[in-house]
Amino acid sequence: MNMSNQIANMLLSMLDETGLAQINRNELAEQLGCVPSQINYVISSRFTPERGYTVESQRGGGGYIKITRIHYTAKEQMFMHIINSVGDSIGEQSARAIILNLHHSEYLSAEQAKIMLAAVNENCYKTAEKELRPGLRAATFKQMLLSCI
């Protein structure tokens, strides 16, 4: 198992146990025998709002990184949170991660997820200028999410 997977699995098991993973980055790096930046990479790439997590950090001597799962009380509240977090632009991979997470959590049917995945695919935006694509994708994606509320 590579180091990134090992870090992610350790954090996921902490989340499964208590619903919270609070770590000291340097201590965890020393424990796992890796560099602290590798922990940063795993957290920034695998524990994102799009994947259903919030990350809070405090720097300094007693600093920590705290990861929690986002829990929603209502489908609508969850969809609105995602819509607001998308902002004015989104990349294909981030949109895909959100869609797959929603489908896995049973907020989207397989058919809805399939249609949304097609709509955020880079091929849909090939005729648009490259710098406009993330904005177009975000607008399309947000409208699709709104239609699910």
N, C-alpha and C. Protein backbone atom coordinates (compact mmCIF):
# COMPACT_ATOMS: atom_id res chain seq x y z
N MET A 1 0.85 -1.17 0.00
CA MET A 1 0.00 0.00 0.00
C MET A 1 0.90 1.23 0.00
N ASN A 2 0.61 2.19 -0.89
CA ASN A 2 1.46 3.37 -0.93
C ASN A 2 1.18 4.29 0.26
N MET A 3 2.09 5.22 0.48
CA MET A 3 2.01 6.07 1.67
C MET A 3 0.74 6.92 1.68
N SER A 4 0.33 7.46 0.53
CA SER A 4 -0.89 8.28 0.49
C SER A 4 -2.11 7.49 0.92
N ASN A 5 -2.21 6.26 0.45
CA ASN A 5 -3.34 5.41 0.85
C ASN A 5 -3.27 5.08 2.34
N GLN A 6 -2.07 4.87 2.83
CA GLN A 6 -1.90 4.55 4.25
C GLN A 6 -2.34 5.74 5.12
N ILE A 7 -1.96 6.94 4.72
CA ILE A 7 -2.37 8.15 5.46
C ILE A 7 -3.88 8.29 5.41
N ALA A 8 -4.46 8.17 4.21
CA ALA A 8 -5.91 8.32 4.05
C ALA A 8 -6.66 7.28 4.86
N ASN A 9 -6.21 6.03 4.84
CA ASN A 9 -6.88 4.97 5.60
C ASN A 9 -6.81 5.22 7.09
N MET A 10 -5.68 5.73 7.57
CA MET A 10 -5.54 6.02 8.99
C MET A 10 -6.54 7.13 9.39
N LEU A 11 -6.63 8.17 8.57
CA LEU A 11 -7.56 9.26 8.86
C LEU A 11 -9.01 8.78 8.77
N LEU A 12 -9.32 7.96 7.78
CA LEU A 12 -10.67 7.43 7.65
C LEU A 12 -11.06 6.56 8.83
N SER A 13 -10.12 5.76 9.35
CA SER A 13 -10.45 4.93 10.51
C SER A 13 -10.68 5.79 11.75
N MET A 14 -9.95 6.90 11.87
CA MET A 14 -10.19 7.83 12.98
C MET A 14 -11.59 8.44 12.83
N LEU A 15 -11.96 8.80 11.61
CA LEU A 15 -13.28 9.38 11.36
C LEU A 15 -14.38 8.36 11.65
N ASP A 16 -14.15 7.10 11.30
CA ASP A 16 -15.15 6.06 11.55
C ASP A 16 -15.37 5.82 13.03
N GLU A 17 -14.30 5.93 13.81
CA GLU A 17 -14.39 5.68 15.25
C GLU A 17 -15.12 6.80 15.99
N THR A 18 -14.75 8.04 15.71
CA THR A 18 -15.28 9.14 16.51
C THR A 18 -16.01 10.21 15.69
N GLY A 19 -15.95 10.10 14.37
CA GLY A 19 -16.55 11.13 13.52
C GLY A 19 -15.66 12.36 13.38
N LEU A 20 -14.46 12.27 13.95
CA LEU A 20 -13.53 13.39 13.95
C LEU A 20 -12.11 12.83 13.87
N ALA A 21 -11.28 13.47 13.07
CA ALA A 21 -9.86 13.12 13.04
C ALA A 21 -9.09 14.38 13.35
N GLN A 22 -8.46 14.42 14.50
CA GLN A 22 -7.66 15.57 14.87
C GLN A 22 -6.24 15.10 15.04
N ILE A 23 -5.35 15.70 14.27
CA ILE A 23 -3.95 15.24 14.25
C ILE A 23 -3.00 16.41 14.37
N ASN A 24 -1.80 16.10 14.82
CA ASN A 24 -0.67 17.01 14.71
C ASN A 24 0.11 16.50 13.50
N ARG A 25 0.22 17.32 12.47
CA ARG A 25 0.81 16.90 11.21
C ARG A 25 2.23 16.36 11.39
N ASN A 26 3.06 17.05 12.14
CA ASN A 26 4.45 16.62 12.33
C ASN A 26 4.53 15.29 13.07
N GLU A 27 3.70 15.14 14.10
CA GLU A 27 3.69 13.88 14.86
C GLU A 27 3.24 12.72 13.99
N LEU A 28 2.20 12.93 13.19
CA LEU A 28 1.72 11.87 12.31
C LEU A 28 2.77 11.52 11.26
N ALA A 29 3.44 12.53 10.72
CA ALA A 29 4.49 12.28 9.73
C ALA A 29 5.62 11.45 10.34
N GLU A 30 5.99 11.78 11.56
CA GLU A 30 7.05 11.03 12.24
C GLU A 30 6.61 9.59 12.50
N GLN A 31 5.36 9.43 12.93
CA GLN A 31 4.82 8.11 13.22
C GLN A 31 4.78 7.23 11.97
N LEU A 32 4.43 7.82 10.83
CA LEU A 32 4.30 7.06 9.59
C LEU A 32 5.59 7.00 8.78
N GLY A 33 6.57 7.83 9.15
CA GLY A 33 7.83 7.84 8.43
C GLY A 33 7.72 8.52 7.06
N CYS A 34 7.01 9.64 7.03
CA CYS A 34 6.88 10.39 5.79
C CYS A 34 7.12 11.87 6.07
N VAL A 35 7.09 12.67 5.05
CA VAL A 35 7.27 14.11 5.24
C VAL A 35 5.90 14.75 5.49
N PRO A 36 5.85 15.81 6.29
CA PRO A 36 4.58 16.47 6.59
C PRO A 36 3.82 16.94 5.35
N SER A 37 4.54 17.32 4.30
CA SER A 37 3.85 17.79 3.09
C SER A 37 3.04 16.68 2.44
N GLN A 38 3.43 15.44 2.66
CA GLN A 38 2.66 14.32 2.10
C GLN A 38 1.29 14.21 2.80
N ILE A 39 1.26 14.51 4.07
CA ILE A 39 0.00 14.53 4.81
C ILE A 39 -0.87 15.68 4.29
N ASN A 40 -0.26 16.84 4.06
CA ASN A 40 -1.00 17.96 3.49
C ASN A 40 -1.62 17.58 2.15
N TYR A 41 -0.84 16.91 1.31
CA TYR A 41 -1.33 16.51 0.00
C TYR A 41 -2.56 15.60 0.12
N VAL A 42 -2.48 14.60 0.99
CA VAL A 42 -3.59 13.66 1.15
C VAL A 42 -4.84 14.40 1.65
N ILE A 43 -4.66 15.26 2.62
CA ILE A 43 -5.80 15.99 3.16
C ILE A 43 -6.41 16.90 2.11
N SER A 44 -5.57 17.64 1.38
CA SER A 44 -6.11 18.59 0.40
C SER A 44 -6.71 17.90 -0.82
N SER A 45 -6.31 16.68 -1.10
CA SER A 45 -6.85 16.00 -2.28
C SER A 45 -7.97 15.02 -1.97
N ARG A 46 -8.02 14.49 -0.76
CA ARG A 46 -9.02 13.45 -0.45
C ARG A 46 -10.06 13.85 0.58
N PHE A 47 -9.81 14.90 1.33
CA PHE A 47 -10.74 15.31 2.39
C PHE A 47 -11.23 16.72 2.10
N THR A 48 -11.95 16.84 1.00
CA THR A 48 -12.44 18.13 0.52
C THR A 48 -13.93 18.26 0.78
N PRO A 49 -14.45 19.48 0.73
CA PRO A 49 -15.91 19.66 0.88
C PRO A 49 -16.69 18.87 -0.18
N GLU A 50 -16.12 18.78 -1.38
CA GLU A 50 -16.78 18.03 -2.44
C GLU A 50 -16.96 16.57 -2.09
N ARG A 51 -16.06 16.07 -1.26
CA ARG A 51 -16.13 14.67 -0.85
C ARG A 51 -16.81 14.50 0.50
N GLY A 52 -17.35 15.60 1.04
CA GLY A 52 -18.13 15.52 2.27
C GLY A 52 -17.36 15.76 3.56
N TYR A 53 -16.26 16.53 3.49
CA TYR A 53 -15.45 16.77 4.69
C TYR A 53 -15.17 18.26 4.87
N THR A 54 -14.98 18.66 6.11
CA THR A 54 -14.45 19.99 6.40
C THR A 54 -13.10 19.81 7.07
N VAL A 55 -12.19 20.71 6.77
CA VAL A 55 -10.85 20.65 7.34
C VAL A 55 -10.58 22.00 7.99
N GLU A 56 -10.13 21.92 9.22
CA GLU A 56 -9.81 23.11 10.00
C GLU A 56 -8.39 22.93 10.49
N SER A 57 -7.60 24.00 10.45
CA SER A 57 -6.23 23.86 10.94
C SER A 57 -5.84 25.05 11.79
N GLN A 58 -4.95 24.78 12.71
CA GLN A 58 -4.39 25.83 13.55
C GLN A 58 -2.88 25.65 13.52
N ARG A 59 -2.20 26.70 13.19
CA ARG A 59 -0.74 26.63 13.09
C ARG A 59 -0.11 26.98 14.44
N GLY A 60 1.15 26.68 14.54
CA GLY A 60 1.88 27.03 15.76
C GLY A 60 2.29 25.79 16.53
N GLY A 61 2.89 26.00 17.68
CA GLY A 61 3.44 24.91 18.49
C GLY A 61 2.44 23.82 18.82
N GLY A 62 1.25 24.20 19.24
CA GLY A 62 0.23 23.22 19.56
C GLY A 62 -0.76 23.06 18.42
N GLY A 63 -0.29 23.33 17.23
CA GLY A 63 -1.18 23.31 16.07
C GLY A 63 -1.74 21.94 15.76
N TYR A 64 -2.83 21.95 15.04
CA TYR A 64 -3.49 20.69 14.71
C TYR A 64 -4.22 20.83 13.39
N ILE A 65 -4.62 19.72 12.86
CA ILE A 65 -5.51 19.66 11.70
C ILE A 65 -6.69 18.81 12.14
N LYS A 66 -7.89 19.37 11.95
CA LYS A 66 -9.10 18.67 12.37
C LYS A 66 -9.96 18.42 11.13
N ILE A 67 -10.33 17.16 10.92
CA ILE A 67 -11.16 16.76 9.78
C ILE A 67 -12.47 16.21 10.34
N THR A 68 -13.58 16.70 9.81
CA THR A 68 -14.88 16.18 10.21
C THR A 68 -15.71 15.89 8.96
N ARG A 69 -16.60 14.94 9.10
CA ARG A 69 -17.56 14.66 8.04
C ARG A 69 -18.69 15.67 8.13
N ILE A 70 -19.13 16.14 6.98
CA ILE A 70 -20.26 17.06 6.95
C ILE A 70 -21.53 16.23 7.09
N HIS A 71 -22.36 16.58 8.07
CA HIS A 71 -23.64 15.90 8.25
C HIS A 71 -24.75 16.89 7.97
N TYR A 72 -25.68 16.47 7.17
CA TYR A 72 -26.78 17.34 6.78
C TYR A 72 -28.07 16.84 7.42
N THR A 73 -28.91 17.78 7.78
CA THR A 73 -30.19 17.42 8.38
C THR A 73 -31.27 17.28 7.33
N ALA A 74 -31.08 17.89 6.17
CA ALA A 74 -32.08 17.81 5.12
C ALA A 74 -31.40 17.81 3.76
N LYS A 75 -32.00 17.10 2.84
CA LYS A 75 -31.45 17.01 1.48
C LYS A 75 -31.27 18.41 0.89
N GLU A 76 -32.25 19.26 1.07
CA GLU A 76 -32.19 20.60 0.49
C GLU A 76 -31.03 21.41 1.07
N GLN A 77 -30.83 21.31 2.36
CA GLN A 77 -29.74 22.03 3.00
C GLN A 77 -28.41 21.55 2.44
N MET A 78 -28.28 20.26 2.26
CA MET A 78 -27.05 19.70 1.74
C MET A 78 -26.80 20.17 0.31
N PHE A 79 -27.83 20.15 -0.53
CA PHE A 79 -27.68 20.59 -1.91
C PHE A 79 -27.31 22.07 -1.97
N MET A 80 -27.94 22.89 -1.14
CA MET A 80 -27.62 24.31 -1.13
C MET A 80 -26.19 24.57 -0.67
N HIS A 81 -25.72 23.80 0.29
CA HIS A 81 -24.34 23.93 0.73
C HIS A 81 -23.39 23.64 -0.43
N ILE A 82 -23.67 22.59 -1.17
CA ILE A 82 -22.82 22.23 -2.31
C ILE A 82 -22.87 23.33 -3.36
N ILE A 83 -24.07 23.80 -3.68
CA ILE A 83 -24.22 24.86 -4.68
C ILE A 83 -23.41 26.09 -4.28
N ASN A 84 -23.49 26.47 -3.01
CA ASN A 84 -22.74 27.63 -2.53
C ASN A 84 -21.24 27.39 -2.54
N SER A 85 -20.82 26.17 -2.29
CA SER A 85 -19.38 25.89 -2.25
C SER A 85 -18.78 25.80 -3.65
N VAL A 86 -19.59 25.54 -4.66
CA VAL A 86 -19.07 25.46 -6.03
C VAL A 86 -18.54 26.82 -6.48
N GLY A 87 -19.24 27.88 -6.13
CA GLY A 87 -18.77 29.20 -6.53
C GLY A 87 -18.93 29.45 -8.01
N ASP A 88 -18.02 30.22 -8.58
CA ASP A 88 -18.12 30.64 -9.97
C ASP A 88 -17.44 29.70 -10.95
N SER A 89 -16.68 28.74 -10.45
CA SER A 89 -16.00 27.82 -11.36
C SER A 89 -15.76 26.48 -10.66
N ILE A 90 -15.67 25.46 -11.48
CA ILE A 90 -15.37 24.12 -10.95
C ILE A 90 -14.72 23.29 -12.05
N GLY A 91 -13.77 22.49 -11.66
CA GLY A 91 -13.11 21.58 -12.59
C GLY A 91 -13.91 20.30 -12.75
N GLU A 92 -13.63 19.59 -13.80
CA GLU A 92 -14.35 18.34 -14.07
C GLU A 92 -14.18 17.34 -12.92
N GLN A 93 -12.97 17.19 -12.42
CA GLN A 93 -12.72 16.19 -11.38
C GLN A 93 -13.46 16.51 -10.09
N SER A 94 -13.51 17.78 -9.72
CA SER A 94 -14.24 18.17 -8.51
C SER A 94 -15.74 17.92 -8.67
N ALA A 95 -16.27 18.28 -9.83
CA ALA A 95 -17.69 18.05 -10.08
C ALA A 95 -18.00 16.56 -10.06
N ARG A 96 -17.13 15.75 -10.67
CA ARG A 96 -17.32 14.30 -10.67
C ARG A 96 -17.32 13.76 -9.24
N ALA A 97 -16.41 14.24 -8.41
CA ALA A 97 -16.32 13.77 -7.03
C ALA A 97 -17.61 14.08 -6.27
N ILE A 98 -18.15 15.27 -6.46
CA ILE A 98 -19.40 15.64 -5.79
C ILE A 98 -20.53 14.74 -6.25
N ILE A 99 -20.65 14.56 -7.55
CA ILE A 99 -21.73 13.74 -8.11
C ILE A 99 -21.64 12.30 -7.60
N LEU A 100 -20.44 11.73 -7.62
CA LEU A 100 -20.28 10.35 -7.17
C LEU A 100 -20.58 10.23 -5.68
N ASN A 101 -20.20 11.24 -4.89
CA ASN A 101 -20.50 11.24 -3.46
C ASN A 101 -22.00 11.32 -3.22
N LEU A 102 -22.69 12.16 -3.99
CA LEU A 102 -24.15 12.27 -3.86
C LEU A 102 -24.84 10.97 -4.24
N HIS A 103 -24.34 10.33 -5.28
CA HIS A 103 -24.93 9.05 -5.69
C HIS A 103 -24.66 7.98 -4.63
N HIS A 104 -23.42 7.93 -4.15
CA HIS A 104 -23.06 6.95 -3.11
C HIS A 104 -23.90 7.14 -1.85
N SER A 105 -24.23 8.39 -1.54
CA SER A 105 -25.05 8.70 -0.37
C SER A 105 -26.54 8.59 -0.65
N GLU A 106 -26.88 8.17 -1.86
CA GLU A 106 -28.26 7.95 -2.31
C GLU A 106 -29.08 9.23 -2.39
N TYR A 107 -28.42 10.37 -2.62
CA TYR A 107 -29.14 11.62 -2.88
C TYR A 107 -29.43 11.78 -4.36
N LEU A 108 -28.69 11.05 -5.20
CA LEU A 108 -28.94 11.05 -6.64
C LEU A 108 -29.13 9.61 -7.09
N SER A 109 -30.09 9.42 -7.98
CA SER A 109 -30.27 8.09 -8.57
C SER A 109 -29.12 7.83 -9.54
N ALA A 110 -28.98 6.60 -9.96
CA ALA A 110 -27.95 6.26 -10.94
C ALA A 110 -28.16 7.04 -12.23
N GLU A 111 -29.41 7.20 -12.63
CA GLU A 111 -29.70 7.92 -13.87
C GLU A 111 -29.36 9.41 -13.72
N GLN A 112 -29.71 10.02 -12.60
CA GLN A 112 -29.38 11.43 -12.38
C GLN A 112 -27.86 11.63 -12.39
N ALA A 113 -27.15 10.74 -11.70
CA ALA A 113 -25.69 10.85 -11.64
C ALA A 113 -25.09 10.70 -13.03
N LYS A 114 -25.59 9.77 -13.80
CA LYS A 114 -25.07 9.54 -15.15
C LYS A 114 -25.25 10.78 -16.03
N ILE A 115 -26.42 11.39 -15.96
CA ILE A 115 -26.70 12.60 -16.74
C ILE A 115 -25.79 13.75 -16.30
N MET A 116 -25.65 13.91 -14.99
CA MET A 116 -24.80 14.99 -14.49
C MET A 116 -23.34 14.78 -14.86
N LEU A 117 -22.88 13.54 -14.78
CA LEU A 117 -21.50 13.24 -15.17
C LEU A 117 -21.27 13.60 -16.63
N ALA A 118 -22.25 13.32 -17.47
CA ALA A 118 -22.12 13.67 -18.89
C ALA A 118 -22.08 15.19 -19.06
N ALA A 119 -22.88 15.91 -18.28
CA ALA A 119 -22.97 17.36 -18.43
C ALA A 119 -21.72 18.10 -17.94
N VAL A 120 -20.98 17.52 -17.02
CA VAL A 120 -19.78 18.19 -16.52
C VAL A 120 -18.52 17.72 -17.24
N ASN A 121 -18.66 16.76 -18.13
CA ASN A 121 -17.53 16.21 -18.88
C ASN A 121 -16.87 17.28 -19.74
N GLU A 122 -15.58 17.26 -19.78
CA GLU A 122 -14.80 18.25 -20.53
C GLU A 122 -15.20 18.31 -22.00
N ASN A 123 -15.62 17.20 -22.57
CA ASN A 123 -16.02 17.18 -23.99
C ASN A 123 -17.17 18.12 -24.28
N CYS A 124 -18.02 18.40 -23.31
CA CYS A 124 -19.15 19.32 -23.51
C CYS A 124 -18.68 20.75 -23.70
N TYR A 125 -17.48 21.07 -23.31
CA TYR A 125 -17.01 22.45 -23.29
C TYR A 125 -15.85 22.68 -24.26
N LYS A 126 -15.60 21.73 -25.15
CA LYS A 126 -14.46 21.83 -26.07
C LYS A 126 -14.53 23.05 -26.97
N THR A 127 -15.72 23.50 -27.33
CA THR A 127 -15.83 24.64 -28.24
C THR A 127 -15.68 25.97 -27.52
N ALA A 128 -15.72 25.96 -26.20
CA ALA A 128 -15.55 27.19 -25.43
C ALA A 128 -14.06 27.43 -25.17
N GLU A 129 -13.71 28.69 -25.01
CA GLU A 129 -12.33 29.01 -24.68
C GLU A 129 -11.96 28.36 -23.35
N LYS A 130 -10.73 27.91 -23.26
CA LYS A 130 -10.29 27.13 -22.10
C LYS A 130 -10.55 27.83 -20.77
N GLU A 131 -10.32 29.14 -20.70
CA GLU A 131 -10.49 29.84 -19.43
C GLU A 131 -11.96 30.03 -19.05
N LEU A 132 -12.88 29.84 -19.99
CA LEU A 132 -14.31 29.97 -19.71
C LEU A 132 -14.94 28.66 -19.25
N ARG A 133 -14.30 27.56 -19.51
CA ARG A 133 -14.89 26.25 -19.24
C ARG A 133 -15.28 26.01 -17.79
N PRO A 134 -14.41 26.31 -16.81
CA PRO A 134 -14.80 26.07 -15.41
C PRO A 134 -16.04 26.85 -15.00
N GLY A 135 -16.19 28.09 -15.50
CA GLY A 135 -17.36 28.89 -15.17
C GLY A 135 -18.63 28.34 -15.80
N LEU A 136 -18.53 27.91 -17.04
CA LEU A 136 -19.68 27.31 -17.72
C LEU A 136 -20.10 26.01 -17.04
N ARG A 137 -19.09 25.22 -16.66
CA ARG A 137 -19.37 23.95 -15.98
C ARG A 137 -20.05 24.21 -14.64
N ALA A 138 -19.58 25.21 -13.90
CA ALA A 138 -20.17 25.53 -12.60
C ALA A 138 -21.62 25.96 -12.75
N ALA A 139 -21.90 26.82 -13.72
CA ALA A 139 -23.28 27.29 -13.92
C ALA A 139 -24.20 26.12 -14.28
N THR A 140 -23.74 25.26 -15.17
CA THR A 140 -24.53 24.10 -15.57
C THR A 140 -24.75 23.16 -14.39
N PHE A 141 -23.69 22.89 -13.66
CA PHE A 141 -23.75 21.97 -12.53
C PHE A 141 -24.69 22.49 -11.45
N LYS A 142 -24.61 23.77 -11.13
CA LYS A 142 -25.48 24.34 -10.10
C LYS A 142 -26.94 24.29 -10.51
N GLN A 143 -27.22 24.53 -11.79
CA GLN A 143 -28.61 24.44 -12.25
C GLN A 143 -29.14 23.02 -12.14
N MET A 144 -28.28 22.05 -12.45
CA MET A 144 -28.69 20.65 -12.33
C MET A 144 -28.96 20.29 -10.88
N LEU A 145 -28.11 20.77 -9.97
CA LEU A 145 -28.35 20.50 -8.55
C LEU A 145 -29.63 21.15 -8.06
N LEU A 146 -29.88 22.38 -8.50
CA LEU A 146 -31.11 23.07 -8.12
C LEU A 146 -32.34 22.30 -8.59
N SER A 147 -32.25 21.68 -9.74
CA SER A 147 -33.40 20.93 -10.26
C SER A 147 -33.70 19.67 -9.43
N CYS A 148 -32.74 19.26 -8.61
CA CYS A 148 -32.93 18.06 -7.77
C CYS A 148 -33.58 18.40 -6.43
N ILE A 149 -33.68 19.66 -6.11
CA ILE A 149 -34.23 20.07 -4.80
C ILE A 149 -35.74 19.96 -4.84
